[in-house]
Amino acid sequence: MNAQDRKVSKAHEALMGLVIGDAFGMPTTSYTPAIIKKLLGEVGDFLDAPSGHPLHSGLKAGIVTDDTEIAILIAKIKNS
């Protein structure tokens, strides 16, 4: 693997980490730890956003947010 391929691979790995972290954290966005514990208990898996969530109400477990969409758009711009 050449240097350019390694850079692309590392960028891909970083984006995948962002995607997974975004989907995992989506239902807890903007909540304090106390609210998270009250609404969701111990979070250890991908979960649906709670009903009435201020940003993500109705999103199903594993769905990414605009954070991921923006990062992918930036990556595409930087790669063009």
PDB file of N, CA and C in Angstrom:
ATOM      1  N   MET A   1       0.847  -1.175   0.000  1.00  0.00           N
ATOM      2  CA  MET A   1       0.000   0.000   0.000  1.00  0.00           C
ATOM      3  C   MET A   1       0.898   1.245   0.000  1.00  0.00           C
ATOM      4  N   ASN A   2       0.644   2.148  -0.925  1.00  0.00           N
ATOM      5  CA  ASN A   2       1.460   3.362  -0.997  1.00  0.00           C
ATOM      6  C   ASN A   2       0.953   4.425  -0.009  1.00  0.00           C
ATOM      7  N   ALA A   3       1.684   5.521   0.081  1.00  0.00           N
ATOM      8  CA  ALA A   3       1.366   6.569   1.057  1.00  0.00           C
ATOM      9  C   ALA A   3      -0.028   7.159   0.824  1.00  0.00           C
ATOM     10  N   GLN A   4      -0.385   7.373  -0.419  1.00  0.00           N
ATOM     11  CA  GLN A   4      -1.710   7.939  -0.724  1.00  0.00           C
ATOM     12  C   GLN A   4      -2.816   6.974  -0.306  1.00  0.00           C
ATOM     13  N   ASP A   5      -2.647   5.699  -0.583  1.00  0.00           N
ATOM     14  CA  ASP A   5      -3.640   4.699  -0.184  1.00  0.00           C
ATOM     15  C   ASP A   5      -3.784   4.654   1.337  1.00  0.00           C
ATOM     16  N   ARG A   6      -2.669   4.783   2.058  1.00  0.00           N
ATOM     17  CA  ARG A   6      -2.713   4.798   3.531  1.00  0.00           C
ATOM     18  C   ARG A   6      -3.494   6.009   4.032  1.00  0.00           C
ATOM     19  N   LYS A   7      -3.285   7.170   3.407  1.00  0.00           N
ATOM     20  CA  LYS A   7      -4.024   8.372   3.801  1.00  0.00           C
ATOM     21  C   LYS A   7      -5.520   8.189   3.576  1.00  0.00           C
ATOM     22  N   VAL A   8      -5.872   7.647   2.440  1.00  0.00           N
ATOM     23  CA  VAL A   8      -7.278   7.422   2.129  1.00  0.00           C
ATOM     24  C   VAL A   8      -7.878   6.418   3.106  1.00  0.00           C
ATOM     25  N   SER A   9      -7.138   5.362   3.413  1.00  0.00           N
ATOM     26  CA  SER A   9      -7.615   4.351   4.352  1.00  0.00           C
ATOM     27  C   SER A   9      -7.835   4.959   5.739  1.00  0.00           C
ATOM     28  N   LYS A  10      -6.899   5.780   6.197  1.00  0.00           N
ATOM     29  CA  LYS A  10      -7.035   6.413   7.510  1.00  0.00           C
ATOM     30  C   LYS A  10      -8.212   7.390   7.530  1.00  0.00           C
ATOM     31  N   ALA A  11      -8.411   8.117   6.452  1.00  0.00           N
ATOM     32  CA  ALA A  11      -9.547   9.030   6.374  1.00  0.00           C
ATOM     33  C   ALA A  11     -10.862   8.244   6.417  1.00  0.00           C
ATOM     34  N   HIS A  12     -10.900   7.130   5.702  1.00  0.00           N
ATOM     35  CA  HIS A  12     -12.090   6.281   5.699  1.00  0.00           C
ATOM     36  C   HIS A  12     -12.364   5.747   7.099  1.00  0.00           C
ATOM     37  N   GLU A  13     -11.326   5.283   7.778  1.00  0.00           N
ATOM     38  CA  GLU A  13     -11.484   4.765   9.139  1.00  0.00           C
ATOM     39  C   GLU A  13     -11.986   5.856  10.084  1.00  0.00           C
ATOM     40  N   ALA A  14     -11.470   7.069   9.941  1.00  0.00           N
ATOM     41  CA  ALA A  14     -11.913   8.177  10.788  1.00  0.00           C
ATOM     42  C   ALA A  14     -13.385   8.493  10.538  1.00  0.00           C
ATOM     43  N   LEU A  15     -13.779   8.514   9.275  1.00  0.00           N
ATOM     44  CA  LEU A  15     -15.189   8.776   8.960  1.00  0.00           C
ATOM     45  C   LEU A  15     -16.091   7.671   9.493  1.00  0.00           C
ATOM     46  N   MET A  16     -15.639   6.434   9.411  1.00  0.00           N
ATOM     47  CA  MET A  16     -16.448   5.330   9.939  1.00  0.00           C
ATOM     48  C   MET A  16     -16.604   5.458  11.456  1.00  0.00           C
ATOM     49  N   GLY A  17     -15.562   5.876  12.141  1.00  0.00           N
ATOM     50  CA  GLY A  17     -15.659   6.113  13.575  1.00  0.00           C
ATOM     51  C   GLY A  17     -16.664   7.210  13.887  1.00  0.00           C
ATOM     52  N   LEU A  18     -16.638   8.277  13.098  1.00  0.00           N
ATOM     53  CA  LEU A  18     -17.600   9.366  13.270  1.00  0.00           C
ATOM     54  C   LEU A  18     -19.021   8.868  13.049  1.00  0.00           C
ATOM     55  N   VAL A  19     -19.235   8.081  12.000  1.00  0.00           N
ATOM     56  CA  VAL A  19     -20.571   7.568  11.676  1.00  0.00           C
ATOM     57  C   VAL A  19     -21.106   6.714  12.823  1.00  0.00           C
ATOM     58  N   ILE A  20     -20.293   5.802  13.307  1.00  0.00           N
ATOM     59  CA  ILE A  20     -20.731   4.911  14.390  1.00  0.00           C
ATOM     60  C   ILE A  20     -20.993   5.707  15.664  1.00  0.00           C
ATOM     61  N   GLY A  21     -20.084   6.607  16.009  1.00  0.00           N
ATOM     62  CA  GLY A  21     -20.271   7.424  17.207  1.00  0.00           C
ATOM     63  C   GLY A  21     -21.488   8.320  17.113  1.00  0.00           C
ATOM     64  N   ASP A  22     -21.737   8.880  15.949  1.00  0.00           N
ATOM     65  CA  ASP A  22     -22.896   9.741  15.746  1.00  0.00           C
ATOM     66  C   ASP A  22     -24.189   8.945  15.912  1.00  0.00           C
ATOM     67  N   ALA A  23     -24.264   7.793  15.285  1.00  0.00           N
ATOM     68  CA  ALA A  23     -25.471   6.959  15.395  1.00  0.00           C
ATOM     69  C   ALA A  23     -25.685   6.485  16.824  1.00  0.00           C
ATOM     70  N   PHE A  24     -24.608   6.140  17.517  1.00  0.00           N
ATOM     71  CA  PHE A  24     -24.707   5.670  18.899  1.00  0.00           C
ATOM     72  C   PHE A  24     -25.170   6.803  19.822  1.00  0.00           C
ATOM     73  N   GLY A  25     -24.649   7.998  19.613  1.00  0.00           N
ATOM     74  CA  GLY A  25     -24.979   9.124  20.482  1.00  0.00           C
ATOM     75  C   GLY A  25     -26.227   9.897  20.094  1.00  0.00           C
ATOM     76  N   MET A  26     -26.773   9.620  18.923  1.00  0.00           N
ATOM     77  CA  MET A  26     -27.920  10.380  18.429  1.00  0.00           C
ATOM     78  C   MET A  26     -29.049  10.537  19.447  1.00  0.00           C
ATOM     79  N   PRO A  27     -29.500   9.473  20.121  1.00  0.00           N
ATOM     80  CA  PRO A  27     -30.647   9.647  21.013  1.00  0.00           C
ATOM     81  C   PRO A  27     -30.353  10.446  22.280  1.00  0.00           C
ATOM     82  N   THR A  28     -29.075  10.688  22.572  1.00  0.00           N
ATOM     83  CA  THR A  28     -28.719  11.406  23.798  1.00  0.00           C
ATOM     84  C   THR A  28     -28.296  12.848  23.548  1.00  0.00           C
ATOM     85  N   THR A  29     -28.261  13.260  22.299  1.00  0.00           N
ATOM     86  CA  THR A  29     -27.819  14.614  21.960  1.00  0.00           C
ATOM     87  C   THR A  29     -28.640  15.655  22.696  1.00  0.00           C
ATOM     88  N   SER A  30     -27.968  16.598  23.303  1.00  0.00           N
ATOM     89  CA  SER A  30     -28.506  17.754  24.027  1.00  0.00           C
ATOM     90  C   SER A  30     -29.076  17.399  25.399  1.00  0.00           C
ATOM     91  N   TYR A  31     -28.955  16.157  25.817  1.00  0.00           N
ATOM     92  CA  TYR A  31     -29.428  15.755  27.144  1.00  0.00           C
ATOM     93  C   TYR A  31     -28.274  15.704  28.137  1.00  0.00           C
ATOM     94  N   THR A  32     -28.574  16.045  29.376  1.00  0.00           N
ATOM     95  CA  THR A  32     -27.596  15.904  30.449  1.00  0.00           C
ATOM     96  C   THR A  32     -27.513  14.428  30.843  1.00  0.00           C
ATOM     97  N   PRO A  33     -26.442  14.028  31.526  1.00  0.00           N
ATOM     98  CA  PRO A  33     -26.361  12.643  31.994  1.00  0.00           C
ATOM     99  C   PRO A  33     -27.575  12.226  32.833  1.00  0.00           C
ATOM    100  N   ALA A  34     -28.087  13.123  33.665  1.00  0.00           N
ATOM    101  CA  ALA A  34     -29.248  12.792  34.504  1.00  0.00           C
ATOM    102  C   ALA A  34     -30.486  12.516  33.653  1.00  0.00           C
ATOM    103  N   ILE A  35     -30.696  13.321  32.626  1.00  0.00           N
ATOM    104  CA  ILE A  35     -31.860  13.106  31.741  1.00  0.00           C
ATOM    105  C   ILE A  35     -31.693  11.821  30.950  1.00  0.00           C
ATOM    106  N   ILE A  36     -30.479  11.560  30.488  1.00  0.00           N
ATOM    107  CA  ILE A  36     -30.219  10.317  29.741  1.00  0.00           C
ATOM    108  C   ILE A  36     -30.557   9.116  30.605  1.00  0.00           C
ATOM    109  N   LYS A  37     -30.093   9.118  31.831  1.00  0.00           N
ATOM    110  CA  LYS A  37     -30.353   7.987  32.735  1.00  0.00           C
ATOM    111  C   LYS A  37     -31.852   7.836  32.981  1.00  0.00           C
ATOM    112  N   LYS A  38     -32.552   8.952  33.166  1.00  0.00           N
ATOM    113  CA  LYS A  38     -33.995   8.914  33.426  1.00  0.00           C
ATOM    114  C   LYS A  38     -34.776   8.396  32.213  1.00  0.00           C
ATOM    115  N   LEU A  39     -34.425   8.892  31.017  1.00  0.00           N
ATOM    116  CA  LEU A  39     -35.172   8.523  29.805  1.00  0.00           C
ATOM    117  C   LEU A  39     -34.747   7.184  29.210  1.00  0.00           C
ATOM    118  N   LEU A  40     -33.451   6.899  29.258  1.00  0.00           N
ATOM    119  CA  LEU A  40     -32.922   5.751  28.522  1.00  0.00           C
ATOM    120  C   LEU A  40     -32.262   4.694  29.401  1.00  0.00           C
ATOM    121  N   GLY A  41     -32.021   5.024  30.651  1.00  0.00           N
ATOM    122  CA  GLY A  41     -31.311   4.086  31.518  1.00  0.00           C
ATOM    123  C   GLY A  41     -29.850   4.016  31.109  1.00  0.00           C
ATOM    124  N   GLU A  42     -29.257   2.852  31.252  1.00  0.00           N
ATOM    125  CA  GLU A  42     -27.874   2.645  30.845  1.00  0.00           C
ATOM    126  C   GLU A  42     -27.837   2.415  29.333  1.00  0.00           C
ATOM    127  N   VAL A  43     -27.146   3.268  28.626  1.00  0.00           N
ATOM    128  CA  VAL A  43     -27.072   3.154  27.166  1.00  0.00           C
ATOM    129  C   VAL A  43     -25.893   2.255  26.821  1.00  0.00           C
ATOM    130  N   GLY A  44     -26.179   1.157  26.145  1.00  0.00           N
ATOM    131  CA  GLY A  44     -25.131   0.226  25.762  1.00  0.00           C
ATOM    132  C   GLY A  44     -25.331  -0.319  24.367  1.00  0.00           C
ATOM    133  N   ASP A  45     -26.261   0.282  23.642  1.00  0.00           N
ATOM    134  CA  ASP A  45     -26.569  -0.193  22.294  1.00  0.00           C
ATOM    135  C   ASP A  45     -27.165   0.973  21.506  1.00  0.00           C
ATOM    136  N   PHE A  46     -27.346   0.774  20.234  1.00  0.00           N
ATOM    137  CA  PHE A  46     -28.023   1.775  19.421  1.00  0.00           C
ATOM    138  C   PHE A  46     -29.491   1.803  19.840  1.00  0.00           C
ATOM    139  N   LEU A  47     -30.024   3.009  20.046  1.00  0.00           N
ATOM    140  CA  LEU A  47     -31.402   3.160  20.502  1.00  0.00           C
ATOM    141  C   LEU A  47     -32.150   4.149  19.623  1.00  0.00           C
ATOM    142  N   ASP A  48     -33.490   3.991  19.579  1.00  0.00           N
ATOM    143  CA  ASP A  48     -34.334   5.000  18.947  1.00  0.00           C
ATOM    144  C   ASP A  48     -34.232   6.285  19.760  1.00  0.00           C
ATOM    145  N   ALA A  49     -34.407   7.425  19.105  1.00  0.00           N
ATOM    146  CA  ALA A  49     -34.479   8.685  19.839  1.00  0.00           C
ATOM    147  C   ALA A  49     -35.782   8.678  20.642  1.00  0.00           C
ATOM    148  N   PRO A  50     -35.743   9.198  21.861  1.00  0.00           N
ATOM    149  CA  PRO A  50     -36.973   9.242  22.660  1.00  0.00           C
ATOM    150  C   PRO A  50     -38.033  10.106  21.985  1.00  0.00           C
ATOM    151  N   SER A  51     -39.273   9.740  22.175  1.00  0.00           N
ATOM    152  CA  SER A  51     -40.382  10.540  21.653  1.00  0.00           C
ATOM    153  C   SER A  51     -40.282  11.945  22.237  1.00  0.00           C
ATOM    154  N   GLY A  52     -40.425  12.937  21.390  1.00  0.00           N
ATOM    155  CA  GLY A  52     -40.336  14.319  21.832  1.00  0.00           C
ATOM    156  C   GLY A  52     -38.920  14.861  21.928  1.00  0.00           C
ATOM    157  N   HIS A  53     -37.939  14.085  21.468  1.00  0.00           N
ATOM    158  CA  HIS A  53     -36.545  14.568  21.493  1.00  0.00           C
ATOM    159  C   HIS A  53     -36.492  15.904  20.755  1.00  0.00           C
ATOM    160  N   PRO A  54     -35.781  16.897  21.320  1.00  0.00           N
ATOM    161  CA  PRO A  54     -35.792  18.231  20.707  1.00  0.00           C
ATOM    162  C   PRO A  54     -35.174  18.304  19.314  1.00  0.00           C
ATOM    163  N   LEU A  55     -34.313  17.362  18.964  1.00  0.00           N
ATOM    164  CA  LEU A  55     -33.660  17.397  17.654  1.00  0.00           C
ATOM    165  C   LEU A  55     -33.939  16.168  16.797  1.00  0.00           C
ATOM    166  N   HIS A  56     -34.141  15.018  17.418  1.00  0.00           N
ATOM    167  CA  HIS A  56     -34.160  13.767  16.663  1.00  0.00           C
ATOM    168  C   HIS A  56     -35.409  12.919  16.882  1.00  0.00           C
ATOM    169  N   SER A  57     -36.477  13.512  17.358  1.00  0.00           N
ATOM    170  CA  SER A  57     -37.697  12.745  17.611  1.00  0.00           C
ATOM    171  C   SER A  57     -38.103  11.966  16.358  1.00  0.00           C
ATOM    172  N   GLY A  58     -38.368  10.688  16.545  1.00  0.00           N
ATOM    173  CA  GLY A  58     -38.781   9.839  15.430  1.00  0.00           C
ATOM    174  C   GLY A  58     -37.645   9.106  14.734  1.00  0.00           C
ATOM    175  N   LEU A  59     -36.393   9.481  15.022  1.00  0.00           N
ATOM    176  CA  LEU A  59     -35.281   8.774  14.380  1.00  0.00           C
ATOM    177  C   LEU A  59     -35.110   7.398  15.013  1.00  0.00           C
ATOM    178  N   LYS A  60     -34.899   6.419  14.173  1.00  0.00           N
ATOM    179  CA  LYS A  60     -34.729   5.040  14.623  1.00  0.00           C
ATOM    180  C   LYS A  60     -33.277   4.760  14.994  1.00  0.00           C
ATOM    181  N   ALA A  61     -33.090   3.715  15.758  1.00  0.00           N
ATOM    182  CA  ALA A  61     -31.754   3.298  16.204  1.00  0.00           C
ATOM    183  C   ALA A  61     -30.820   3.141  15.010  1.00  0.00           C
ATOM    184  N   GLY A  62     -29.608   3.661  15.148  1.00  0.00           N
ATOM    185  CA  GLY A  62     -28.593   3.505  14.112  1.00  0.00           C
ATOM    186  C   GLY A  62     -28.604   4.577  13.038  1.00  0.00           C
ATOM    187  N   ILE A  63     -29.546   5.505  13.101  1.00  0.00           N
ATOM    188  CA  ILE A  63     -29.613   6.582  12.109  1.00  0.00           C
ATOM    189  C   ILE A  63     -28.587   7.659  12.467  1.00  0.00           C
ATOM    190  N   VAL A  64     -27.911   8.175  11.478  1.00  0.00           N
ATOM    191  CA  VAL A  64     -26.948   9.252  11.711  1.00  0.00           C
ATOM    192  C   VAL A  64     -27.644  10.605  11.632  1.00  0.00           C
ATOM    193  N   THR A  65     -26.939  11.623  12.109  1.00  0.00           N
ATOM    194  CA  THR A  65     -27.498  12.970  12.117  1.00  0.00           C
ATOM    195  C   THR A  65     -26.829  13.823  11.041  1.00  0.00           C
ATOM    196  N   ASP A  66     -27.182  15.083  11.049  1.00  0.00           N
ATOM    197  CA  ASP A  66     -26.569  16.010  10.107  1.00  0.00           C
ATOM    198  C   ASP A  66     -25.071  16.152  10.340  1.00  0.00           C
ATOM    199  N   ASP A  67     -24.588  15.822  11.536  1.00  0.00           N
ATOM    200  CA  ASP A  67     -23.140  15.877  11.789  1.00  0.00           C
ATOM    201  C   ASP A  67     -22.391  14.970  10.808  1.00  0.00           C
ATOM    202  N   THR A  68     -22.894  13.759  10.630  1.00  0.00           N
ATOM    203  CA  THR A  68     -22.281  12.820   9.689  1.00  0.00           C
ATOM    204  C   THR A  68     -22.438  13.312   8.259  1.00  0.00           C
ATOM    205  N   GLU A  69     -23.623  13.782   7.922  1.00  0.00           N
ATOM    206  CA  GLU A  69     -23.866  14.252   6.558  1.00  0.00           C
ATOM    207  C   GLU A  69     -22.921  15.397   6.192  1.00  0.00           C
ATOM    208  N   ILE A  70     -22.708  16.323   7.118  1.00  0.00           N
ATOM    209  CA  ILE A  70     -21.807  17.453   6.864  1.00  0.00           C
ATOM    210  C   ILE A  70     -20.367  16.965   6.716  1.00  0.00           C
ATOM    211  N   ALA A  71     -19.940  16.053   7.585  1.00  0.00           N
ATOM    212  CA  ALA A  71     -18.574  15.539   7.505  1.00  0.00           C
ATOM    213  C   ALA A  71     -18.326  14.852   6.158  1.00  0.00           C
ATOM    214  N   ILE A  72     -19.295  14.087   5.694  1.00  0.00           N
ATOM    215  CA  ILE A  72     -19.152  13.408   4.404  1.00  0.00           C
ATOM    216  C   ILE A  72     -19.094  14.429   3.266  1.00  0.00           C
ATOM    217  N   LEU A  73     -19.917  15.453   3.331  1.00  0.00           N
ATOM    218  CA  LEU A  73     -19.874  16.490   2.297  1.00  0.00           C
ATOM    219  C   LEU A  73     -18.508  17.188   2.279  1.00  0.00           C
ATOM    220  N   ILE A  74     -17.978  17.490   3.449  1.00  0.00           N
ATOM    221  CA  ILE A  74     -16.646  18.121   3.516  1.00  0.00           C
ATOM    222  C   ILE A  74     -15.580  17.201   2.953  1.00  0.00           C
ATOM    223  N   ALA A  75     -15.666  15.918   3.287  1.00  0.00           N
ATOM    224  CA  ALA A  75     -14.692  14.946   2.766  1.00  0.00           C
ATOM    225  C   ALA A  75     -14.761  14.879   1.238  1.00  0.00           C
ATOM    226  N   LYS A  76     -15.970  14.925   0.696  1.00  0.00           N
ATOM    227  CA  LYS A  76     -16.123  14.893  -0.761  1.00  0.00           C
ATOM    228  C   LYS A  76     -15.526  16.141  -1.406  1.00  0.00           C
ATOM    229  N   ILE A  77     -15.748  17.287  -0.790  1.00  0.00           N
ATOM    230  CA  ILE A  77     -15.198  18.541  -1.328  1.00  0.00           C
ATOM    231  C   ILE A  77     -13.666  18.501  -1.296  1.00  0.00           C
ATOM    232  N   LYS A  78     -13.100  18.037  -0.164  1.00  0.00           N
ATOM    233  CA  LYS A  78     -11.643  17.974  -0.031  1.00  0.00           C
ATOM    234  C   LYS A  78     -11.034  16.978  -1.002  1.00  0.00           C
ATOM    235  N   ASN A  79     -11.814  15.972  -1.406  1.00  0.00           N
ATOM    236  CA  ASN A  79     -11.301  14.921  -2.288  1.00  0.00           C
ATOM    237  C   ASN A  79     -11.449  15.284  -3.767  1.00  0.00           C
ATOM    238  N   SER A  80     -12.217  16.322  -4.066  1.00  0.00           N
ATOM    239  CA  SER A  80     -12.443  16.663  -5.482  1.00  0.00           C
ATOM    240  C   SER A  80     -11.392  17.610  -6.026  1.00  0.00           C
TER     241      SER A  80
END
